[in-house]
Structures are given as structure tokens and as C-alpha cells.
Amino acid sequence: MKTFFDCIPCFVRQALASVRMVTDDEAVQEEVLRKVLEAASAMDLRKSPPAMGQYIHRVIRQLTRDEDPYRRSKDRFNLLALSLYPRFEARVRRSKNPLETAVRLAIAGNVIDFGVNSDLTEEEVHQSVDHALKAPLDGDLAAFREAALNAKSILYLADNAGEIVFDRLLIAEQLPLNKLTVGVKGRPVINDATMADAQFAGLAGLVAVIDNGSDAPGTILEDCSEAFRRRFDASELVIAKGQGNYETLSQVQQDIFFLLKAKCPVIAEDIGCKVGSLVLRRSSCAKASAGKGNAYAGI
């Protein structure tokens, strides 16, 4: 997805909110804003918004000398999600359609996105769960089920800390673990999940986990490690969580299902849905790569 004009003020808002989380030093805040404004004025709008997001958060980390400024917030929401996990796990297992319930809860976790809302509260997480269990699901669950059933290899791209615990409901309970690899960020950026968060969520002991070698808030393939790109290319199915992955991968020739909550009007318009929608969409650029695997009882 390209960068739209309406993304520009969002970059500035995100930069200011993020640097204020890290420091009260107005001189540092001003320097960050000036650098972001300068970069925004010269950026290539054909690139996806996470390219600018990557620059913004590199500047913040450099000027504040804090390599992971969101670490405390990530730990807080990881702990919150883990405290809710047993209740949600039981709900999935009791459900008449466990896959749908797990998908809905995984999408609910996408509200834990500090790039969109740096002041997120625990109450808003609970509200997101309530909404996700009742609202229409914008997508084809049957096609998702069939794709996961038939693919010989699946790459699940995690999005945020806290959210990755919600992802575990779908990964551990409804997807074939022997065919699955989870991808996380290679280095800290905003509250995106890294290897430490995958371990915290209990995923590292369940499935193969690989980091992408990048600090972009999405999956900019040319910025990822060679090992990750090989795994991405070899995967018959990619499940990509969150808006950043949609922004960076929506034009990639690969069979991808995007799972997200549409929190941004620009992204909602690009997808063709309403703001607030629970989205389970197959990429329009999907290449013909569906393998014919064995049936799996969890799907």
C-alpha cells in the first residue's frame, strides 16, 4: 500500500505521542518533530507508511538513548493478556465454531496498537473483546479454513505484544502446529512483538519462531533478513496480523490472509470496509500456491 496524504499528519501525531512517552525533555521532543517533518516532506509516497514509521522510531531511540522505549507497556499488556488467556481458551473450546471464535479473539487483540493509540487502557481491551465476539466478521472463514487445511507450510506474522497472546488462541488451538512458523520483529519498534514477547506468550515452546531481522512496524521484505525472506517465499500460506502487515504486504505476490481490526480510515478505504471492522481478507495478489496437505482435526 502506498502512503496517502492523510498519512502525513498521522506520522507527526505518532512521533509526538511516542517521544512524549519516553522523555519530558522538550528540546528532544522538538528535535524529533523537526526531523520527522523534514523526512516527511521528502519521502517517497510510493513507499508504505511503515517505512516512515521505521524512521520515526529509529530517531526516537537514537535521541533518547532508549533501545526499547515501550518495554514496560509491552510487559504490562502481555501480563494482561496472559491473565485473560484461560478464560478465552475455555470459551474457544466451548464454542460451536472454535475456529471462528479464535479468529475473532485474535483480531480483538489487534486493538493493542500503540502506533494508533499510545494511551490505550485495559478497559478498551475488554471493550474490543466484547465487540469482536458480537460484530460481523468481514471475510471468508471457510476459505481461511480450507487454506490452512491444505497448505503444507504456514507463516504466521505476529503484530504486537499482548496481541501475540491472543494469537496463541488461534495458533495453539486451531492451526496445525507441525506446519506452522511464527514470525516476529528482529528489533524493538513501537510495541511490536519480538522474540522476547513470543517467549513470554508461551509460543516459543509450541512452534518454530523466527525473527525477521527488521525494525520496521510491518514487514518490509527488502529490509528483512535473508533467512526470513527464504522462509516467507517457501510458505504456501501467510497469515498476517495487523495494519502494518497489511500496509507492507497487500501488493506482494503471495497467498496471504490479513487479520486485523480496521482502526484507520485510510486503511479501511483501501481494504473496502468500515472503520472498526473485523477483517479476515485474502490478498487480491495471492499467487496460486495452495498445497494439498492432510486433514487436521483442529480446523
C-alpha atoms as a PDB file:
ATOM      1  CA  MET A   1       0.000   0.000   0.000  1.00  0.00           C
ATOM      2  CA  LYS A   2       1.337   3.453  -0.842  1.00  0.00           C
ATOM      3  CA  THR A   3       1.435   6.383   1.572  1.00  0.00           C
ATOM      4  CA  PHE A   4      -1.596   8.666   1.239  1.00  0.00           C
ATOM      5  CA  PHE A   5      -1.658  12.405   2.011  1.00  0.00           C
ATOM      6  CA  ASP A   6      -3.791  11.720   5.089  1.00  0.00           C
ATOM      7  CA  CYS A   7      -0.935   9.594   6.493  1.00  0.00           C
ATOM      8  CA  ILE A   8       1.333  12.636   6.878  1.00  0.00           C
ATOM      9  CA  PRO A   9      -0.386  14.274   9.891  1.00  0.00           C
ATOM     10  CA  CYS A  10      -0.618  10.802  11.448  1.00  0.00           C
ATOM     11  CA  PHE A  11       3.172  10.479  11.260  1.00  0.00           C
ATOM     12  CA  VAL A  12       3.551  13.729  13.186  1.00  0.00           C
ATOM     13  CA  ARG A  13       0.961  12.731  15.787  1.00  0.00           C
ATOM     14  CA  GLN A  14       2.609   9.349  16.278  1.00  0.00           C
ATOM     15  CA  ALA A  15       6.072  10.881  16.602  1.00  0.00           C
ATOM     16  CA  LEU A  16       4.935  13.390  19.236  1.00  0.00           C
ATOM     17  CA  ALA A  17       2.925  10.853  21.244  1.00  0.00           C
ATOM     18  CA  SER A  18       5.794   8.365  21.161  1.00  0.00           C
ATOM     19  CA  VAL A  19       8.568  10.750  22.179  1.00  0.00           C
ATOM     20  CA  ARG A  20       6.400  12.136  24.999  1.00  0.00           C
ATOM     21  CA  MET A  21       6.110   8.599  26.367  1.00  0.00           C
ATOM     22  CA  VAL A  22       9.885   8.391  26.596  1.00  0.00           C
ATOM     23  CA  THR A  23      11.017  11.830  27.713  1.00  0.00           C
ATOM     24  CA  ASP A  24       9.764  15.137  29.123  1.00  0.00           C
ATOM     25  CA  ASP A  25      12.718  16.975  27.570  1.00  0.00           C
ATOM     26  CA  GLU A  26      11.100  19.483  25.192  1.00  0.00           C
ATOM     27  CA  ALA A  27      14.373  20.009  23.350  1.00  0.00           C
ATOM     28  CA  VAL A  28      14.436  16.319  22.426  1.00  0.00           C
ATOM     29  CA  GLN A  29      10.747  16.394  21.514  1.00  0.00           C
ATOM     30  CA  GLU A  30      11.347  19.372  19.234  1.00  0.00           C
ATOM     31  CA  GLU A  31      14.326  17.725  17.553  1.00  0.00           C
ATOM     32  CA  VAL A  32      12.306  14.580  16.862  1.00  0.00           C
ATOM     33  CA  LEU A  33       9.443  16.597  15.357  1.00  0.00           C
ATOM     34  CA  ARG A  34      11.772  18.657  13.176  1.00  0.00           C
ATOM     35  CA  LYS A  35      13.494  15.544  11.836  1.00  0.00           C
ATOM     36  CA  VAL A  36      10.154  13.851  11.159  1.00  0.00           C
ATOM     37  CA  LEU A  37       8.736  16.910   9.392  1.00  0.00           C
ATOM     38  CA  GLU A  38      11.851  17.163   7.258  1.00  0.00           C
ATOM     39  CA  ALA A  39      11.762  13.478   6.359  1.00  0.00           C
ATOM     40  CA  ALA A  40       8.013  13.573   5.628  1.00  0.00           C
ATOM     41  CA  SER A  41       8.469  16.463   3.230  1.00  0.00           C
ATOM     42  CA  ALA A  42      10.965  14.460   1.193  1.00  0.00           C
ATOM     43  CA  MET A  43       9.597  10.912   1.485  1.00  0.00           C
ATOM     44  CA  ASP A  44       8.695   8.751  -1.479  1.00  0.00           C
ATOM     45  CA  LEU A  45       4.920   8.411  -1.255  1.00  0.00           C
ATOM     46  CA  ARG A  46       5.095   5.225  -3.290  1.00  0.00           C
ATOM     47  CA  LYS A  47       6.538   3.521  -0.200  1.00  0.00           C
ATOM     48  CA  SER A  48       4.292   2.106   2.502  1.00  0.00           C
ATOM     49  CA  PRO A  49       3.593   4.086   5.716  1.00  0.00           C
ATOM     50  CA  PRO A  50       5.687   1.718   7.890  1.00  0.00           C
ATOM     51  CA  ALA A  51       8.807   2.919   6.047  1.00  0.00           C
ATOM     52  CA  MET A  52       8.285   6.309   7.686  1.00  0.00           C
ATOM     53  CA  GLY A  53       7.292   4.634  10.945  1.00  0.00           C
ATOM     54  CA  GLN A  54      10.626   2.825  10.939  1.00  0.00           C
ATOM     55  CA  TYR A  55      12.474   6.136  10.506  1.00  0.00           C
ATOM     56  CA  ILE A  56      10.448   7.885  13.222  1.00  0.00           C
ATOM     57  CA  HIS A  57      11.151   5.282  15.856  1.00  0.00           C
ATOM     58  CA  ARG A  58      14.818   4.966  14.949  1.00  0.00           C
ATOM     59  CA  VAL A  59      15.128   8.713  15.546  1.00  0.00           C
ATOM     60  CA  ILE A  60      13.324   8.453  18.897  1.00  0.00           C
ATOM     61  CA  ARG A  61      15.511   5.567  20.063  1.00  0.00           C
ATOM     62  CA  GLN A  62      18.652   7.382  18.958  1.00  0.00           C
ATOM     63  CA  LEU A  63      17.849  10.743  20.574  1.00  0.00           C
ATOM     64  CA  THR A  64      16.506   9.285  23.830  1.00  0.00           C
ATOM     65  CA  ARG A  65      19.189   6.556  24.050  1.00  0.00           C
ATOM     66  CA  ASP A  66      16.456   4.035  24.836  1.00  0.00           C
ATOM     67  CA  GLU A  67      16.592   0.916  22.665  1.00  0.00           C
ATOM     68  CA  ASP A  68      13.126  -0.317  23.690  1.00  0.00           C
ATOM     69  CA  PRO A  69      11.071   2.641  24.979  1.00  0.00           C
ATOM     70  CA  TYR A  70       7.818   0.650  25.007  1.00  0.00           C
ATOM     71  CA  ARG A  71       9.193  -2.288  27.018  1.00  0.00           C
ATOM     72  CA  ARG A  72       7.236  -1.548  30.202  1.00  0.00           C
ATOM     73  CA  SER A  73       3.999  -1.089  28.265  1.00  0.00           C
ATOM     74  CA  LYS A  74       4.613  -4.294  26.328  1.00  0.00           C
ATOM     75  CA  ASP A  75       5.162  -6.217  29.548  1.00  0.00           C
ATOM     76  CA  ARG A  76       2.007  -4.718  31.034  1.00  0.00           C
ATOM     77  CA  PHE A  77      -0.222  -5.822  28.163  1.00  0.00           C
ATOM     78  CA  ASN A  78       1.472  -9.208  27.876  1.00  0.00           C
ATOM     79  CA  LEU A  79       0.588  -9.780  31.531  1.00  0.00           C
ATOM     80  CA  LEU A  80      -2.978  -8.563  30.992  1.00  0.00           C
ATOM     81  CA  ALA A  81      -3.474 -10.872  28.028  1.00  0.00           C
ATOM     82  CA  LEU A  82      -1.987 -13.843  29.878  1.00  0.00           C
ATOM     83  CA  SER A  83      -4.348 -13.216  32.799  1.00  0.00           C
ATOM     84  CA  LEU A  84      -7.289 -13.386  30.360  1.00  0.00           C
ATOM     85  CA  TYR A  85      -5.988 -16.380  28.419  1.00  0.00           C
ATOM     86  CA  PRO A  86      -7.533 -19.228  30.478  1.00  0.00           C
ATOM     87  CA  ARG A  87     -10.983 -17.646  30.219  1.00  0.00           C
ATOM     88  CA  PHE A  88     -10.693 -17.147  26.465  1.00  0.00           C
ATOM     89  CA  GLU A  89      -9.175 -20.596  25.913  1.00  0.00           C
ATOM     90  CA  ALA A  90     -12.195 -22.149  27.624  1.00  0.00           C
ATOM     91  CA  ARG A  91     -14.509 -20.010  25.501  1.00  0.00           C
ATOM     92  CA  VAL A  92     -12.860 -21.236  22.292  1.00  0.00           C
ATOM     93  CA  ARG A  93     -13.154 -24.872  23.372  1.00  0.00           C
ATOM     94  CA  ARG A  94     -16.840 -24.487  24.306  1.00  0.00           C
ATOM     95  CA  SER A  95     -17.694 -22.670  21.103  1.00  0.00           C
ATOM     96  CA  LYS A  96     -19.877 -24.251  18.428  1.00  0.00           C
ATOM     97  CA  ASN A  97     -17.367 -22.845  15.931  1.00  0.00           C
ATOM     98  CA  PRO A  98     -13.981 -22.806  17.706  1.00  0.00           C
ATOM     99  CA  LEU A  99     -12.050 -21.556  14.668  1.00  0.00           C
ATOM    100  CA  GLU A 100     -14.318 -18.529  14.263  1.00  0.00           C
ATOM    101  CA  THR A 101     -14.133 -17.698  17.971  1.00  0.00           C
ATOM    102  CA  ALA A 102     -10.329 -17.982  17.937  1.00  0.00           C
ATOM    103  CA  VAL A 103     -10.124 -15.757  14.843  1.00  0.00           C
ATOM    104  CA  ARG A 104     -12.393 -13.161  16.442  1.00  0.00           C
ATOM    105  CA  LEU A 105     -10.327 -13.087  19.647  1.00  0.00           C
ATOM    106  CA  ALA A 106      -7.074 -12.862  17.678  1.00  0.00           C
ATOM    107  CA  ILE A 107      -8.479  -9.855  15.837  1.00  0.00           C
ATOM    108  CA  ALA A 108      -9.701  -8.360  19.121  1.00  0.00           C
ATOM    109  CA  GLY A 109      -6.101  -8.345  20.338  1.00  0.00           C
ATOM    110  CA  ASN A 110      -5.163  -6.084  17.430  1.00  0.00           C
ATOM    111  CA  VAL A 111      -6.508  -3.142  19.442  1.00  0.00           C
ATOM    112  CA  ILE A 112      -3.232  -3.269  21.439  1.00  0.00           C
ATOM    113  CA  ASP A 113      -1.544  -0.966  18.933  1.00  0.00           C
ATOM    114  CA  PHE A 114       0.381   1.978  20.381  1.00  0.00           C
ATOM    115  CA  GLY A 115       1.115   3.310  16.906  1.00  0.00           C
ATOM    116  CA  VAL A 116      -2.599   4.134  16.720  1.00  0.00           C
ATOM    117  CA  ASN A 117      -3.402   4.686  20.402  1.00  0.00           C
ATOM    118  CA  SER A 118      -0.499   5.248  22.793  1.00  0.00           C
ATOM    119  CA  ASP A 119      -2.956   5.859  25.681  1.00  0.00           C
ATOM    120  CA  LEU A 120      -4.716   2.501  25.380  1.00  0.00           C
ATOM    121  CA  THR A 121      -6.395   1.355  28.592  1.00  0.00           C
ATOM    122  CA  GLU A 122      -7.185  -2.111  29.881  1.00  0.00           C
ATOM    123  CA  GLU A 123     -10.876  -1.259  29.691  1.00  0.00           C
ATOM    124  CA  GLU A 124     -10.518  -0.613  25.954  1.00  0.00           C
ATOM    125  CA  VAL A 125      -9.041  -4.089  25.550  1.00  0.00           C
ATOM    126  CA  HIS A 126     -12.083  -5.596  27.278  1.00  0.00           C
ATOM    127  CA  GLN A 127     -14.369  -3.499  25.067  1.00  0.00           C
ATOM    128  CA  SER A 128     -12.526  -4.743  21.973  1.00  0.00           C
ATOM    129  CA  VAL A 129     -13.091  -8.347  23.037  1.00  0.00           C
ATOM    130  CA  ASP A 130     -16.816  -7.749  23.599  1.00  0.00           C
ATOM    131  CA  HIS A 131     -17.081  -6.078  20.200  1.00  0.00           C
ATOM    132  CA  ALA A 132     -15.137  -8.835  18.421  1.00  0.00           C
ATOM    133  CA  LEU A 133     -17.385 -11.579  19.755  1.00  0.00           C
ATOM    134  CA  LYS A 134     -20.556  -9.866  18.514  1.00  0.00           C
ATOM    135  CA  ALA A 135     -19.708  -7.798  15.413  1.00  0.00           C
ATOM    136  CA  PRO A 136     -19.877  -9.101  11.838  1.00  0.00           C
ATOM    137  CA  LEU A 137     -16.717 -10.759  10.535  1.00  0.00           C
ATOM    138  CA  ASP A 138     -15.677  -9.169   7.240  1.00  0.00           C
ATOM    139  CA  GLY A 139     -14.185 -12.106   5.388  1.00  0.00           C
ATOM    140  CA  ASP A 140     -14.488 -15.691   4.260  1.00  0.00           C
ATOM    141  CA  LEU A 141     -13.897 -18.026   7.197  1.00  0.00           C
ATOM    142  CA  ALA A 142     -14.498 -21.109   5.054  1.00  0.00           C
ATOM    143  CA  ALA A 143     -11.765 -20.067   2.607  1.00  0.00           C
ATOM    144  CA  PHE A 144      -9.406 -19.429   5.523  1.00  0.00           C
ATOM    145  CA  ARG A 145     -10.187 -22.851   6.985  1.00  0.00           C
ATOM    146  CA  GLU A 146      -9.558 -24.556   3.639  1.00  0.00           C
ATOM    147  CA  ALA A 147      -6.322 -22.646   3.003  1.00  0.00           C
ATOM    148  CA  ALA A 148      -4.919 -23.566   6.428  1.00  0.00           C
ATOM    149  CA  LEU A 149      -6.017 -27.161   5.944  1.00  0.00           C
ATOM    150  CA  ASN A 150      -4.362 -27.556   2.550  1.00  0.00           C
ATOM    151  CA  ALA A 151      -1.161 -25.554   2.949  1.00  0.00           C
ATOM    152  CA  LYS A 152       1.935 -27.641   3.615  1.00  0.00           C
ATOM    153  CA  SER A 153       3.662 -24.718   5.345  1.00  0.00           C
ATOM    154  CA  ILE A 154       2.217 -21.671   7.127  1.00  0.00           C
ATOM    155  CA  LEU A 155       3.971 -18.497   8.262  1.00  0.00           C
ATOM    156  CA  TYR A 156       2.058 -16.544  10.920  1.00  0.00           C
ATOM    157  CA  LEU A 157       3.275 -12.932  11.157  1.00  0.00           C
ATOM    158  CA  ALA A 158       2.621 -11.593  14.658  1.00  0.00           C
ATOM    159  CA  ASP A 159       1.950  -7.914  15.229  1.00  0.00           C
ATOM    160  CA  ASN A 160       2.060  -6.511  18.762  1.00  0.00           C
ATOM    161  CA  ALA A 161       2.991  -7.523  22.289  1.00  0.00           C
ATOM    162  CA  GLY A 162      -0.097  -8.502  24.271  1.00  0.00           C
ATOM    163  CA  GLU A 163      -1.837  -9.219  20.980  1.00  0.00           C
ATOM    164  CA  ILE A 164       0.550 -12.134  20.459  1.00  0.00           C
ATOM    165  CA  VAL A 165      -1.052 -13.847  23.478  1.00  0.00           C
ATOM    166  CA  PHE A 166      -4.450 -13.551  21.753  1.00  0.00           C
ATOM    167  CA  ASP A 167      -2.797 -15.029  18.646  1.00  0.00           C
ATOM    168  CA  ARG A 168      -1.857 -18.072  20.709  1.00  0.00           C
ATOM    169  CA  LEU A 169      -5.568 -18.919  20.994  1.00  0.00           C
ATOM    170  CA  LEU A 170      -5.680 -19.343  17.228  1.00  0.00           C
ATOM    171  CA  ILE A 171      -2.206 -20.809  16.771  1.00  0.00           C
ATOM    172  CA  ALA A 172      -2.194 -23.368  19.565  1.00  0.00           C
ATOM    173  CA  GLU A 173      -5.842 -24.408  19.454  1.00  0.00           C
ATOM    174  CA  GLN A 174      -6.882 -24.216  15.800  1.00  0.00           C
ATOM    175  CA  LEU A 175      -3.883 -24.326  13.461  1.00  0.00           C
ATOM    176  CA  PRO A 176      -1.610 -27.294  12.610  1.00  0.00           C
ATOM    177  CA  LEU A 177       1.476 -26.680  14.760  1.00  0.00           C
ATOM    178  CA  ASN A 178       3.664 -29.060  12.735  1.00  0.00           C
ATOM    179  CA  LYS A 179       3.201 -26.863   9.636  1.00  0.00           C
ATOM    180  CA  LEU A 180       3.476 -23.504  11.380  1.00  0.00           C
ATOM    181  CA  THR A 181       6.206 -20.919  11.899  1.00  0.00           C
ATOM    182  CA  VAL A 182       5.601 -17.652  13.772  1.00  0.00           C
ATOM    183  CA  GLY A 183       7.432 -14.523  12.623  1.00  0.00           C
ATOM    184  CA  VAL A 184       8.257 -11.617  14.955  1.00  0.00           C
ATOM    185  CA  LYS A 185      10.254  -8.400  14.613  1.00  0.00           C
ATOM    186  CA  GLY A 186      14.024  -8.573  14.689  1.00  0.00           C
ATOM    187  CA  ARG A 187      14.442  -5.479  16.851  1.00  0.00           C
ATOM    188  CA  PRO A 188      12.150  -3.307  19.012  1.00  0.00           C
ATOM    189  CA  VAL A 189       9.836  -0.836  17.289  1.00  0.00           C
ATOM    190  CA  ILE A 190       6.764   0.690  18.986  1.00  0.00           C
ATOM    191  CA  ASN A 191       5.063  -2.177  20.852  1.00  0.00           C
ATOM    192  CA  ASP A 192       5.579  -4.747  18.098  1.00  0.00           C
ATOM    193  CA  ALA A 193       6.267  -8.284  19.272  1.00  0.00           C
ATOM    194  CA  THR A 194       9.863  -9.512  19.325  1.00  0.00           C
ATOM    195  CA  MET A 195      11.332 -12.882  20.264  1.00  0.00           C
ATOM    196  CA  ALA A 196      11.123 -11.920  23.947  1.00  0.00           C
ATOM    197  CA  ASP A 197       7.353 -11.449  23.603  1.00  0.00           C
ATOM    198  CA  ALA A 198       6.922 -14.763  21.779  1.00  0.00           C
ATOM    199  CA  GLN A 199       8.720 -16.445  24.670  1.00  0.00           C
ATOM    200  CA  PHE A 200       6.635 -14.511  27.220  1.00  0.00           C
ATOM    201  CA  ALA A 201       3.448 -15.607  25.452  1.00  0.00           C
ATOM    202  CA  GLY A 202       4.494 -19.253  25.554  1.00  0.00           C
ATOM    203  CA  LEU A 203       4.699 -19.615  21.780  1.00  0.00           C
ATOM    204  CA  ALA A 204       8.414 -20.372  21.552  1.00  0.00           C
ATOM    205  CA  GLY A 205       7.864 -23.741  23.196  1.00  0.00           C
ATOM    206  CA  LEU A 206       4.918 -24.645  20.954  1.00  0.00           C
ATOM    207  CA  VAL A 207       6.023 -23.767  17.425  1.00  0.00           C
ATOM    208  CA  ALA A 208       9.054 -22.630  15.482  1.00  0.00           C
ATOM    209  CA  VAL A 209       9.589 -18.884  15.929  1.00  0.00           C
ATOM    210  CA  ILE A 210      11.786 -16.794  13.629  1.00  0.00           C
ATOM    211  CA  ASP A 211      12.570 -13.082  13.741  1.00  0.00           C
ATOM    212  CA  ASN A 212      12.559 -11.077  10.535  1.00  0.00           C
ATOM    213  CA  GLY A 213      15.754  -9.130  11.231  1.00  0.00           C
ATOM    214  CA  SER A 214      13.968  -5.797  10.804  1.00  0.00           C
ATOM    215  CA  ASP A 215      12.791  -2.927  12.991  1.00  0.00           C
ATOM    216  CA  ALA A 216      10.014  -1.774  10.666  1.00  0.00           C
ATOM    217  CA  PRO A 217       6.430  -1.715  12.080  1.00  0.00           C
ATOM    218  CA  GLY A 218       5.255  -4.084   9.378  1.00  0.00           C
ATOM    219  CA  THR A 219       7.034  -6.495   7.044  1.00  0.00           C
ATOM    220  CA  ILE A 220       9.159  -4.613   4.516  1.00  0.00           C
ATOM    221  CA  LEU A 221      10.613  -7.656   2.779  1.00  0.00           C
ATOM    222  CA  GLU A 222      13.670  -5.914   1.345  1.00  0.00           C
ATOM    223  CA  ASP A 223      14.582  -4.839   4.893  1.00  0.00           C
ATOM    224  CA  CYS A 224      14.223  -8.348   6.332  1.00  0.00           C
ATOM    225  CA  SER A 225      16.966 -10.923   6.762  1.00  0.00           C
ATOM    226  CA  GLU A 226      17.772 -13.394   4.007  1.00  0.00           C
ATOM    227  CA  ALA A 227      16.745 -16.293   6.264  1.00  0.00           C
ATOM    228  CA  PHE A 228      13.334 -14.724   6.880  1.00  0.00           C
ATOM    229  CA  ARG A 229      12.784 -13.972   3.189  1.00  0.00           C
ATOM    230  CA  ARG A 230      13.555 -17.598   2.323  1.00  0.00           C
ATOM    231  CA  ARG A 231      11.006 -18.757   4.887  1.00  0.00           C
ATOM    232  CA  PHE A 232       8.440 -16.246   3.595  1.00  0.00           C
ATOM    233  CA  ASP A 233       8.916 -17.321  -0.032  1.00  0.00           C
ATOM    234  CA  ALA A 234       8.737 -21.011   0.868  1.00  0.00           C
ATOM    235  CA  SER A 235       5.496 -20.677   2.833  1.00  0.00           C
ATOM    236  CA  GLU A 236       2.389 -21.787   0.986  1.00  0.00           C
ATOM    237  CA  LEU A 237       0.212 -19.640   3.243  1.00  0.00           C
ATOM    238  CA  VAL A 238       0.965 -16.464   5.178  1.00  0.00           C
ATOM    239  CA  ILE A 239      -1.318 -15.238   7.967  1.00  0.00           C
ATOM    240  CA  ALA A 240      -0.501 -11.578   8.593  1.00  0.00           C
ATOM    241  CA  LYS A 241      -1.764  -9.755  11.672  1.00  0.00           C
ATOM    242  CA  GLY A 242      -2.362  -6.036  11.913  1.00  0.00           C
ATOM    243  CA  GLN A 243      -2.448  -2.881   9.852  1.00  0.00           C
ATOM    244  CA  GLY A 244       1.328  -2.599   9.424  1.00  0.00           C
ATOM    245  CA  ASN A 245       1.499  -6.005   7.766  1.00  0.00           C
ATOM    246  CA  TYR A 246      -1.427  -5.087   5.532  1.00  0.00           C
ATOM    247  CA  GLU A 247       0.266  -1.834   4.512  1.00  0.00           C
ATOM    248  CA  THR A 248       3.533  -3.555   3.622  1.00  0.00           C
ATOM    249  CA  LEU A 249       2.291  -6.833   2.120  1.00  0.00           C
ATOM    250  CA  SER A 250      -1.001  -6.068   0.373  1.00  0.00           C
ATOM    251  CA  GLN A 251       0.738  -5.877  -3.033  1.00  0.00           C
ATOM    252  CA  VAL A 252       3.053  -8.860  -2.542  1.00  0.00           C
ATOM    253  CA  GLN A 253       2.549 -11.894  -4.778  1.00  0.00           C
ATOM    254  CA  GLN A 254       1.873 -14.450  -2.069  1.00  0.00           C
ATOM    255  CA  ASP A 255      -1.143 -16.255  -0.633  1.00  0.00           C
ATOM    256  CA  ILE A 256      -1.849 -14.080   2.417  1.00  0.00           C
ATOM    257  CA  PHE A 257      -4.785 -13.797   4.786  1.00  0.00           C
ATOM    258  CA  PHE A 258      -4.830 -10.471   6.621  1.00  0.00           C
ATOM    259  CA  LEU A 259      -6.344 -10.472  10.112  1.00  0.00           C
ATOM    260  CA  LEU A 260      -6.862  -7.060  11.641  1.00  0.00           C
ATOM    261  CA  LYS A 261      -9.187  -4.516  13.117  1.00  0.00           C
ATOM    262  CA  ALA A 262      -9.541  -1.573  10.721  1.00  0.00           C
ATOM    263  CA  LYS A 263      -8.618   1.321  13.007  1.00  0.00           C
ATOM    264  CA  CYS A 264      -7.599   3.830  10.349  1.00  0.00           C
ATOM    265  CA  PRO A 265      -9.909   5.467   7.756  1.00  0.00           C
ATOM    266  CA  VAL A 266      -7.189   5.310   5.078  1.00  0.00           C
ATOM    267  CA  ILE A 267      -6.657   1.579   5.544  1.00  0.00           C
ATOM    268  CA  ALA A 268     -10.390   0.914   5.823  1.00  0.00           C
ATOM    269  CA  GLU A 269     -10.941   2.640   2.487  1.00  0.00           C
ATOM    270  CA  ASP A 270      -8.072   0.736   0.862  1.00  0.00           C
ATOM    271  CA  ILE A 271      -9.473  -2.586   2.108  1.00  0.00           C
ATOM    272  CA  GLY A 272     -13.036  -1.587   1.277  1.00  0.00           C
ATOM    273  CA  CYS A 273     -14.575  -1.854   4.740  1.00  0.00           C
ATOM    274  CA  LYS A 274     -15.821   0.384   7.529  1.00  0.00           C
ATOM    275  CA  VAL A 275     -13.618   1.707  10.331  1.00  0.00           C
ATOM    276  CA  GLY A 276     -13.871  -0.706  13.256  1.00  0.00           C
ATOM    277  CA  SER A 277     -14.488  -3.753  11.054  1.00  0.00           C
ATOM    278  CA  LEU A 278     -13.111  -7.160  11.975  1.00  0.00           C
ATOM    279  CA  VAL A 279     -11.188  -8.084   8.843  1.00  0.00           C
ATOM    280  CA  LEU A 280     -10.241 -11.534   7.554  1.00  0.00           C
ATOM    281  CA  ARG A 281      -9.301 -10.872   3.942  1.00  0.00           C
ATOM    282  CA  ARG A 282      -7.331 -12.866   1.405  1.00  0.00           C
ATOM    283  CA  SER A 283      -4.834 -10.854  -0.595  1.00  0.00           C
ATOM    284  CA  SER A 284      -6.010  -9.911  -4.068  1.00  0.00           C
ATOM    285  CA  CYS A 285      -2.414 -10.611  -5.157  1.00  0.00           C
ATOM    286  CA  ALA A 286      -2.475 -14.221  -3.942  1.00  0.00           C
ATOM    287  CA  LYS A 287      -0.438 -16.468  -6.192  1.00  0.00           C
ATOM    288  CA  ALA A 288      -1.596 -19.983  -6.982  1.00  0.00           C
ATOM    289  CA  SER A 289       0.293 -21.832  -4.278  1.00  0.00           C
ATOM    290  CA  ALA A 290      -2.302 -23.770  -2.293  1.00  0.00           C
ATOM    291  CA  GLY A 291      -0.866 -27.165  -1.463  1.00  0.00           C
ATOM    292  CA  LYS A 292      -2.902 -30.239  -0.732  1.00  0.00           C
ATOM    293  CA  GLY A 293      -1.987 -31.207   2.790  1.00  0.00           C
ATOM    294  CA  ASN A 294      -3.552 -33.722   5.118  1.00  0.00           C
ATOM    295  CA  ALA A 295      -6.679 -33.027   7.103  1.00  0.00           C
ATOM    296  CA  TYR A 296      -6.166 -31.552  10.561  1.00  0.00           C
ATOM    297  CA  ALA A 297      -8.687 -32.156  13.293  1.00  0.00           C
ATOM    298  CA  GLY A 298      -8.356 -28.672  14.797  1.00  0.00           C
ATOM    299  CA  ILE A 299      -9.668 -26.910  11.704  1.00  0.00           C
END
